[in-house]
Amino acid sequence: MDDLSVKLTPEEWHLISGLRDIPPSPLRDLMHEMMTALVEYVREPKCAEMQADGVPCSSPTADCEQCEKVRQLLTNLRHGVSQ
């Protein structure tokens, strides 16, 4: 793999360095798979009204059924890991 030079925000660096600190294990593999799927899903939520130029909402707080489903999933996940 070629070396990359990318500027990261402090939050991005915290996330990347945290991921790299996790030792190889089946749990790490599952987390990586889940995070990859989650990023892809949130990036393109597959809204029924989605057009070639993007999603129709002008705000992340829009009351879209698909976005609400993702928001609830993330809320449940956050709640589960905080216990």
PDB file of N, CA and C in Angstrom:
ATOM      1  N   MET A   1       0.842  -1.170   0.000  1.00  0.00           N
ATOM      2  CA  MET A   1       0.000   0.000   0.000  1.00  0.00           C
ATOM      3  C   MET A   1       0.892   1.239   0.000  1.00  0.00           C
ATOM      4  N   ASP A   2       0.537   2.224  -0.796  1.00  0.00           N
ATOM      5  CA  ASP A   2       1.285   3.467  -0.847  1.00  0.00           C
ATOM      6  C   ASP A   2       1.023   4.298   0.399  1.00  0.00           C
ATOM      7  N   ASP A   3       2.050   5.080   0.786  1.00  0.00           N
ATOM      8  CA  ASP A   3       1.861   5.999   1.906  1.00  0.00           C
ATOM      9  C   ASP A   3       0.917   7.103   1.488  1.00  0.00           C
ATOM     10  N   LEU A   4       0.063   7.503   2.407  1.00  0.00           N
ATOM     11  CA  LEU A   4      -0.888   8.581   2.155  1.00  0.00           C
ATOM     12  C   LEU A   4      -0.556   9.761   3.052  1.00  0.00           C
ATOM     13  N   SER A   5      -0.800  10.925   2.548  1.00  0.00           N
ATOM     14  CA  SER A   5      -0.642  12.130   3.347  1.00  0.00           C
ATOM     15  C   SER A   5      -1.990  12.825   3.376  1.00  0.00           C
ATOM     16  N   VAL A   6      -2.649  12.758   4.524  1.00  0.00           N
ATOM     17  CA  VAL A   6      -3.989  13.296   4.662  1.00  0.00           C
ATOM     18  C   VAL A   6      -4.048  14.111   5.946  1.00  0.00           C
ATOM     19  N   LYS A   7      -4.650  15.285   5.874  1.00  0.00           N
ATOM     20  CA  LYS A   7      -4.846  16.084   7.078  1.00  0.00           C
ATOM     21  C   LYS A   7      -6.111  15.599   7.773  1.00  0.00           C
ATOM     22  N   LEU A   8      -6.006  15.368   9.079  1.00  0.00           N
ATOM     23  CA  LEU A   8      -7.132  14.919   9.873  1.00  0.00           C
ATOM     24  C   LEU A   8      -7.439  15.943  10.952  1.00  0.00           C
ATOM     25  N   THR A   9      -8.716  16.060  11.269  1.00  0.00           N
ATOM     26  CA  THR A   9      -9.098  16.879  12.407  1.00  0.00           C
ATOM     27  C   THR A   9      -8.700  16.125  13.672  1.00  0.00           C
ATOM     28  N   PRO A  10      -8.633  16.806  14.811  1.00  0.00           N
ATOM     29  CA  PRO A  10      -8.325  16.086  16.056  1.00  0.00           C
ATOM     30  C   PRO A  10      -9.312  14.949  16.332  1.00  0.00           C
ATOM     31  N   GLU A  11     -10.598  15.154  16.018  1.00  0.00           N
ATOM     32  CA  GLU A  11     -11.595  14.105  16.232  1.00  0.00           C
ATOM     33  C   GLU A  11     -11.342  12.905  15.324  1.00  0.00           C
ATOM     34  N   GLU A  12     -10.985  13.178  14.066  1.00  0.00           N
ATOM     35  CA  GLU A  12     -10.682  12.088  13.131  1.00  0.00           C
ATOM     36  C   GLU A  12      -9.443  11.325  13.594  1.00  0.00           C
ATOM     37  N   TRP A  13      -8.415  12.047  14.036  1.00  0.00           N
ATOM     38  CA  TRP A  13      -7.196  11.391  14.502  1.00  0.00           C
ATOM     39  C   TRP A  13      -7.486  10.521  15.717  1.00  0.00           C
ATOM     40  N   HIS A  14      -8.323  11.017  16.634  1.00  0.00           N
ATOM     41  CA  HIS A  14      -8.689  10.241  17.827  1.00  0.00           C
ATOM     42  C   HIS A  14      -9.366   8.930  17.410  1.00  0.00           C
ATOM     43  N   LEU A  15     -10.277   9.000  16.451  1.00  0.00           N
ATOM     44  CA  LEU A  15     -10.974   7.809  15.971  1.00  0.00           C
ATOM     45  C   LEU A  15     -10.013   6.846  15.285  1.00  0.00           C
ATOM     46  N   ILE A  16      -9.203   7.344  14.368  1.00  0.00           N
ATOM     47  CA  ILE A  16      -8.268   6.483  13.625  1.00  0.00           C
ATOM     48  C   ILE A  16      -7.250   5.839  14.558  1.00  0.00           C
ATOM     49  N   SER A  17      -6.674   6.617  15.459  1.00  0.00           N
ATOM     50  CA  SER A  17      -5.671   6.039  16.366  1.00  0.00           C
ATOM     51  C   SER A  17      -6.318   5.029  17.306  1.00  0.00           C
ATOM     52  N   GLY A  18      -7.560   5.280  17.732  1.00  0.00           N
ATOM     53  CA  GLY A  18      -8.266   4.311  18.571  1.00  0.00           C
ATOM     54  C   GLY A  18      -8.507   3.005  17.842  1.00  0.00           C
ATOM     55  N   LEU A  19      -8.894   3.093  16.578  1.00  0.00           N
ATOM     56  CA  LEU A  19      -9.108   1.882  15.781  1.00  0.00           C
ATOM     57  C   LEU A  19      -7.816   1.087  15.615  1.00  0.00           C
ATOM     58  N   ARG A  20      -6.727   1.797  15.408  1.00  0.00           N
ATOM     59  CA  ARG A  20      -5.449   1.120  15.203  1.00  0.00           C
ATOM     60  C   ARG A  20      -4.923   0.475  16.466  1.00  0.00           C
ATOM     61  N   ASP A  21      -5.364   0.955  17.635  1.00  0.00           N
ATOM     62  CA  ASP A  21      -4.917   0.410  18.921  1.00  0.00           C
ATOM     63  C   ASP A  21      -5.608  -0.901  19.287  1.00  0.00           C
ATOM     64  N   ILE A  22      -6.692  -1.242  18.613  1.00  0.00           N
ATOM     65  CA  ILE A  22      -7.429  -2.460  18.950  1.00  0.00           C
ATOM     66  C   ILE A  22      -6.669  -3.665  18.397  1.00  0.00           C
ATOM     67  N   PRO A  23      -6.314  -4.605  19.262  1.00  0.00           N
ATOM     68  CA  PRO A  23      -5.553  -5.763  18.773  1.00  0.00           C
ATOM     69  C   PRO A  23      -6.410  -6.648  17.864  1.00  0.00           C
ATOM     70  N   PRO A  24      -5.768  -7.324  16.924  1.00  0.00           N
ATOM     71  CA  PRO A  24      -6.500  -8.227  16.034  1.00  0.00           C
ATOM     72  C   PRO A  24      -7.293  -9.263  16.830  1.00  0.00           C
ATOM     73  N   SER A  25      -8.544  -9.447  16.439  1.00  0.00           N
ATOM     74  CA  SER A  25      -9.413 -10.426  17.097  1.00  0.00           C
ATOM     75  C   SER A  25     -10.699 -10.527  16.289  1.00  0.00           C
ATOM     76  N   PRO A  26     -11.483 -11.564  16.537  1.00  0.00           N
ATOM     77  CA  PRO A  26     -12.784 -11.654  15.859  1.00  0.00           C
ATOM     78  C   PRO A  26     -13.685 -10.456  16.188  1.00  0.00           C
ATOM     79  N   LEU A  27     -13.594  -9.939  17.410  1.00  0.00           N
ATOM     80  CA  LEU A  27     -14.403  -8.785  17.791  1.00  0.00           C
ATOM     81  C   LEU A  27     -14.002  -7.550  16.985  1.00  0.00           C
ATOM     82  N   ARG A  28     -12.705  -7.369  16.786  1.00  0.00           N
ATOM     83  CA  ARG A  28     -12.234  -6.252  15.965  1.00  0.00           C
ATOM     84  C   ARG A  28     -12.730  -6.414  14.527  1.00  0.00           C
ATOM     85  N   ASP A  29     -12.668  -7.610  13.992  1.00  0.00           N
ATOM     86  CA  ASP A  29     -13.136  -7.858  12.626  1.00  0.00           C
ATOM     87  C   ASP A  29     -14.621  -7.521  12.485  1.00  0.00           C
ATOM     88  N   LEU A  30     -15.422  -7.927  13.473  1.00  0.00           N
ATOM     89  CA  LEU A  30     -16.849  -7.644  13.452  1.00  0.00           C
ATOM     90  C   LEU A  30     -17.106  -6.143  13.552  1.00  0.00           C
ATOM     91  N   MET A  31     -16.358  -5.452  14.431  1.00  0.00           N
ATOM     92  CA  MET A  31     -16.510  -4.011  14.579  1.00  0.00           C
ATOM     93  C   MET A  31     -16.153  -3.304  13.267  1.00  0.00           C
ATOM     94  N   HIS A  32     -15.083  -3.721  12.633  1.00  0.00           N
ATOM     95  CA  HIS A  32     -14.668  -3.115  11.367  1.00  0.00           C
ATOM     96  C   HIS A  32     -15.743  -3.303  10.307  1.00  0.00           C
ATOM     97  N   GLU A  33     -16.285  -4.502  10.221  1.00  0.00           N
ATOM     98  CA  GLU A  33     -17.336  -4.794   9.245  1.00  0.00           C
ATOM     99  C   GLU A  33     -18.578  -3.939   9.516  1.00  0.00           C
ATOM    100  N   MET A  34     -18.958  -3.831  10.791  1.00  0.00           N
ATOM    101  CA  MET A  34     -20.124  -3.053  11.165  1.00  0.00           C
ATOM    102  C   MET A  34     -19.910  -1.563  10.892  1.00  0.00           C
ATOM    103  N   MET A  35     -18.737  -1.041  11.220  1.00  0.00           N
ATOM    104  CA  MET A  35     -18.467   0.379  11.000  1.00  0.00           C
ATOM    105  C   MET A  35     -18.426   0.713   9.509  1.00  0.00           C
ATOM    106  N   THR A  36     -17.859  -0.156   8.715  1.00  0.00           N
ATOM    107  CA  THR A  36     -17.821   0.060   7.271  1.00  0.00           C
ATOM    108  C   THR A  36     -19.239   0.104   6.708  1.00  0.00           C
ATOM    109  N   ALA A  37     -20.064  -0.846   7.110  1.00  0.00           N
ATOM    110  CA  ALA A  37     -21.453  -0.873   6.642  1.00  0.00           C
ATOM    111  C   ALA A  37     -22.220   0.354   7.128  1.00  0.00           C
ATOM    112  N   LEU A  38     -21.978   0.767   8.364  1.00  0.00           N
ATOM    113  CA  LEU A  38     -22.670   1.924   8.924  1.00  0.00           C
ATOM    114  C   LEU A  38     -22.292   3.206   8.198  1.00  0.00           C
ATOM    115  N   VAL A  39     -21.009   3.395   7.933  1.00  0.00           N
ATOM    116  CA  VAL A  39     -20.563   4.584   7.202  1.00  0.00           C
ATOM    117  C   VAL A  39     -21.188   4.612   5.809  1.00  0.00           C
ATOM    118  N   GLU A  40     -21.186   3.491   5.115  1.00  0.00           N
ATOM    119  CA  GLU A  40     -21.790   3.436   3.780  1.00  0.00           C
ATOM    120  C   GLU A  40     -23.285   3.715   3.835  1.00  0.00           C
ATOM    121  N   TYR A  41     -23.960   3.201   4.859  1.00  0.00           N
ATOM    122  CA  TYR A  41     -25.397   3.380   4.989  1.00  0.00           C
ATOM    123  C   TYR A  41     -25.750   4.823   5.302  1.00  0.00           C
ATOM    124  N   VAL A  42     -25.006   5.445   6.218  1.00  0.00           N
ATOM    125  CA  VAL A  42     -25.291   6.835   6.578  1.00  0.00           C
ATOM    126  C   VAL A  42     -24.918   7.771   5.428  1.00  0.00           C
ATOM    127  N   ARG A  43     -23.857   7.442   4.704  1.00  0.00           N
ATOM    128  CA  ARG A  43     -23.452   8.265   3.563  1.00  0.00           C
ATOM    129  C   ARG A  43     -24.531   8.282   2.495  1.00  0.00           C
ATOM    130  N   GLU A  44     -25.150   7.132   2.237  1.00  0.00           N
ATOM    131  CA  GLU A  44     -26.226   7.019   1.248  1.00  0.00           C
ATOM    132  C   GLU A  44     -27.347   6.201   1.858  1.00  0.00           C
ATOM    133  N   PRO A  45     -28.291   6.868   2.556  1.00  0.00           N
ATOM    134  CA  PRO A  45     -29.317   6.144   3.297  1.00  0.00           C
ATOM    135  C   PRO A  45     -30.373   5.432   2.464  1.00  0.00           C
ATOM    136  N   LYS A  46     -30.315   5.507   1.162  1.00  0.00           N
ATOM    137  CA  LYS A  46     -31.256   4.800   0.283  1.00  0.00           C
ATOM    138  C   LYS A  46     -32.698   5.281   0.465  1.00  0.00           C
ATOM    139  N   CYS A  47     -32.852   6.596   0.579  1.00  0.00           N
ATOM    140  CA  CYS A  47     -34.188   7.170   0.722  1.00  0.00           C
ATOM    141  C   CYS A  47     -35.024   6.848  -0.518  1.00  0.00           C
ATOM    142  N   ALA A  48     -36.298   6.619  -0.296  1.00  0.00           N
ATOM    143  CA  ALA A  48     -37.194   6.336  -1.414  1.00  0.00           C
ATOM    144  C   ALA A  48     -37.275   7.518  -2.372  1.00  0.00           C
ATOM    145  N   GLU A  49     -37.123   8.738  -1.837  1.00  0.00           N
ATOM    146  CA  GLU A  49     -37.213   9.943  -2.657  1.00  0.00           C
ATOM    147  C   GLU A  49     -35.860  10.377  -3.231  1.00  0.00           C
ATOM    148  N   MET A  50     -34.808   9.577  -3.013  1.00  0.00           N
ATOM    149  CA  MET A  50     -33.466   9.951  -3.450  1.00  0.00           C
ATOM    150  C   MET A  50     -33.391  10.064  -4.973  1.00  0.00           C
ATOM    151  N   GLN A  51     -32.769  11.129  -5.431  1.00  0.00           N
ATOM    152  CA  GLN A  51     -32.590  11.390  -6.851  1.00  0.00           C
ATOM    153  C   GLN A  51     -31.109  11.253  -7.207  1.00  0.00           C
ATOM    154  N   ALA A  52     -30.782  11.387  -8.461  1.00  0.00           N
ATOM    155  CA  ALA A  52     -29.389  11.307  -8.898  1.00  0.00           C
ATOM    156  C   ALA A  52     -28.541  12.401  -8.259  1.00  0.00           C
ATOM    157  N   ASP A  53     -29.165  13.543  -7.942  1.00  0.00           N
ATOM    158  CA  ASP A  53     -28.409  14.652  -7.346  1.00  0.00           C
ATOM    159  C   ASP A  53     -28.420  14.617  -5.817  1.00  0.00           C
ATOM    160  N   GLY A  54     -28.893  13.547  -5.203  1.00  0.00           N
ATOM    161  CA  GLY A  54     -28.838  13.417  -3.755  1.00  0.00           C
ATOM    162  C   GLY A  54     -30.197  13.228  -3.118  1.00  0.00           C
ATOM    163  N   VAL A  55     -30.204  13.392  -1.800  1.00  0.00           N
ATOM    164  CA  VAL A  55     -31.448  13.222  -1.048  1.00  0.00           C
ATOM    165  C   VAL A  55     -32.248  14.514  -1.063  1.00  0.00           C
ATOM    166  N   PRO A  56     -33.560  14.415  -0.968  1.00  0.00           N
ATOM    167  CA  PRO A  56     -34.394  15.604  -1.064  1.00  0.00           C
ATOM    168  C   PRO A  56     -34.400  16.477   0.186  1.00  0.00           C
ATOM    169  N   CYS A  57     -33.901  15.947   1.316  1.00  0.00           N
ATOM    170  CA  CYS A  57     -33.986  16.746   2.538  1.00  0.00           C
ATOM    171  C   CYS A  57     -32.953  17.874   2.530  1.00  0.00           C
ATOM    172  N   SER A  58     -33.371  18.972   3.110  1.00  0.00           N
ATOM    173  CA  SER A  58     -32.452  20.106   3.220  1.00  0.00           C
ATOM    174  C   SER A  58     -31.847  20.176   4.608  1.00  0.00           C
ATOM    175  N   SER A  59     -32.282  19.291   5.496  1.00  0.00           N
ATOM    176  CA  SER A  59     -31.831  19.340   6.874  1.00  0.00           C
ATOM    177  C   SER A  59     -31.695  17.930   7.435  1.00  0.00           C
ATOM    178  N   PRO A  60     -30.649  17.688   8.256  1.00  0.00           N
ATOM    179  CA  PRO A  60     -30.511  16.357   8.862  1.00  0.00           C
ATOM    180  C   PRO A  60     -31.588  16.077   9.895  1.00  0.00           C
ATOM    181  N   THR A  61     -32.385  17.077  10.267  1.00  0.00           N
ATOM    182  CA  THR A  61     -33.470  16.857  11.221  1.00  0.00           C
ATOM    183  C   THR A  61     -34.796  16.611  10.510  1.00  0.00           C
ATOM    184  N   ALA A  62     -34.772  16.485   9.202  1.00  0.00           N
ATOM    185  CA  ALA A  62     -36.000  16.226   8.444  1.00  0.00           C
ATOM    186  C   ALA A  62     -36.638  14.933   8.921  1.00  0.00           C
ATOM    187  N   ASP A  63     -37.938  14.855   8.844  1.00  0.00           N
ATOM    188  CA  ASP A  63     -38.685  13.694   9.322  1.00  0.00           C
ATOM    189  C   ASP A  63     -38.817  12.657   8.218  1.00  0.00           C
ATOM    190  N   CYS A  64     -37.719  12.087   7.821  1.00  0.00           N
ATOM    191  CA  CYS A  64     -37.704  11.053   6.789  1.00  0.00           C
ATOM    192  C   CYS A  64     -37.703   9.694   7.491  1.00  0.00           C
ATOM    193  N   GLU A  65     -38.525   8.789   7.031  1.00  0.00           N
ATOM    194  CA  GLU A  65     -38.634   7.480   7.678  1.00  0.00           C
ATOM    195  C   GLU A  65     -37.296   6.745   7.701  1.00  0.00           C
ATOM    196  N   GLN A  66     -36.571   6.778   6.590  1.00  0.00           N
ATOM    197  CA  GLN A  66     -35.297   6.068   6.512  1.00  0.00           C
ATOM    198  C   GLN A  66     -34.256   6.708   7.434  1.00  0.00           C
ATOM    199  N   CYS A  67     -34.172   8.037   7.427  1.00  0.00           N
ATOM    200  CA  CYS A  67     -33.210   8.720   8.302  1.00  0.00           C
ATOM    201  C   CYS A  67     -33.575   8.493   9.768  1.00  0.00           C
ATOM    202  N   GLU A  68     -34.855   8.494  10.069  1.00  0.00           N
ATOM    203  CA  GLU A  68     -35.286   8.246  11.451  1.00  0.00           C
ATOM    204  C   GLU A  68     -34.913   6.837  11.875  1.00  0.00           C
ATOM    205  N   LYS A  69     -35.006   5.890  10.963  1.00  0.00           N
ATOM    206  CA  LYS A  69     -34.613   4.505  11.258  1.00  0.00           C
ATOM    207  C   LYS A  69     -33.122   4.449  11.608  1.00  0.00           C
ATOM    208  N   VAL A  70     -32.287   5.130  10.833  1.00  0.00           N
ATOM    209  CA  VAL A  70     -30.846   5.163  11.096  1.00  0.00           C
ATOM    210  C   VAL A  70     -30.568   5.893  12.405  1.00  0.00           C
ATOM    211  N   ARG A  71     -31.246   7.016  12.630  1.00  0.00           N
ATOM    212  CA  ARG A  71     -31.061   7.784  13.861  1.00  0.00           C
ATOM    213  C   ARG A  71     -31.399   6.921  15.077  1.00  0.00           C
ATOM    214  N   GLN A  72     -32.474   6.164  15.005  1.00  0.00           N
ATOM    215  CA  GLN A  72     -32.864   5.301  16.127  1.00  0.00           C
ATOM    216  C   GLN A  72     -31.848   4.180  16.332  1.00  0.00           C
ATOM    217  N   LEU A  73     -31.352   3.609  15.253  1.00  0.00           N
ATOM    218  CA  LEU A  73     -30.331   2.571  15.351  1.00  0.00           C
ATOM    219  C   LEU A  73     -29.086   3.105  16.053  1.00  0.00           C
ATOM    220  N   LEU A  74     -28.630   4.301  15.661  1.00  0.00           N
ATOM    221  CA  LEU A  74     -27.449   4.901  16.277  1.00  0.00           C
ATOM    222  C   LEU A  74     -27.697   5.248  17.743  1.00  0.00           C
ATOM    223  N   THR A  75     -28.895   5.719  18.047  1.00  0.00           N
ATOM    224  CA  THR A  75     -29.245   6.030  19.439  1.00  0.00           C
ATOM    225  C   THR A  75     -29.216   4.772  20.292  1.00  0.00           C
ATOM    226  N   ASN A  76     -29.791   3.680  19.786  1.00  0.00           N
ATOM    227  CA  ASN A  76     -29.784   2.421  20.510  1.00  0.00           C
ATOM    228  C   ASN A  76     -28.368   1.893  20.706  1.00  0.00           C
ATOM    229  N   LEU A  77     -27.543   2.005  19.685  1.00  0.00           N
ATOM    230  CA  LEU A  77     -26.157   1.560  19.776  1.00  0.00           C
ATOM    231  C   LEU A  77     -25.408   2.376  20.820  1.00  0.00           C
ATOM    232  N   ARG A  78     -25.571   3.700  20.792  1.00  0.00           N
ATOM    233  CA  ARG A  78     -24.906   4.576  21.761  1.00  0.00           C
ATOM    234  C   ARG A  78     -25.356   4.215  23.171  1.00  0.00           C
ATOM    235  N   HIS A  79     -26.639   3.989  23.354  1.00  0.00           N
ATOM    236  CA  HIS A  79     -27.166   3.625  24.666  1.00  0.00           C
ATOM    237  C   HIS A  79     -26.576   2.283  25.130  1.00  0.00           C
ATOM    238  N   GLY A  80     -26.492   1.336  24.206  1.00  0.00           N
ATOM    239  CA  GLY A  80     -25.977   0.006  24.552  1.00  0.00           C
ATOM    240  C   GLY A  80     -24.516   0.022  24.968  1.00  0.00           C
ATOM    241  N   VAL A  81     -23.693   0.835  24.334  1.00  0.00           N
ATOM    242  CA  VAL A  81     -22.270   0.852  24.677  1.00  0.00           C
ATOM    243  C   VAL A  81     -21.973   1.727  25.883  1.00  0.00           C
ATOM    244  N   SER A  82     -22.927   2.552  26.304  1.00  0.00           N
ATOM    245  CA  SER A  82     -22.688   3.411  27.461  1.00  0.00           C
ATOM    246  C   SER A  82     -23.024   2.711  28.774  1.00  0.00           C
ATOM    247  N   GLN A  83     -23.573   1.519  28.708  1.00  0.00           N
ATOM    248  CA  GLN A  83     -23.947   0.802  29.942  1.00  0.00           C
ATOM    249  C   GLN A  83     -22.805   0.016  30.506  1.00  0.00           C
TER     250      GLN A  83
END
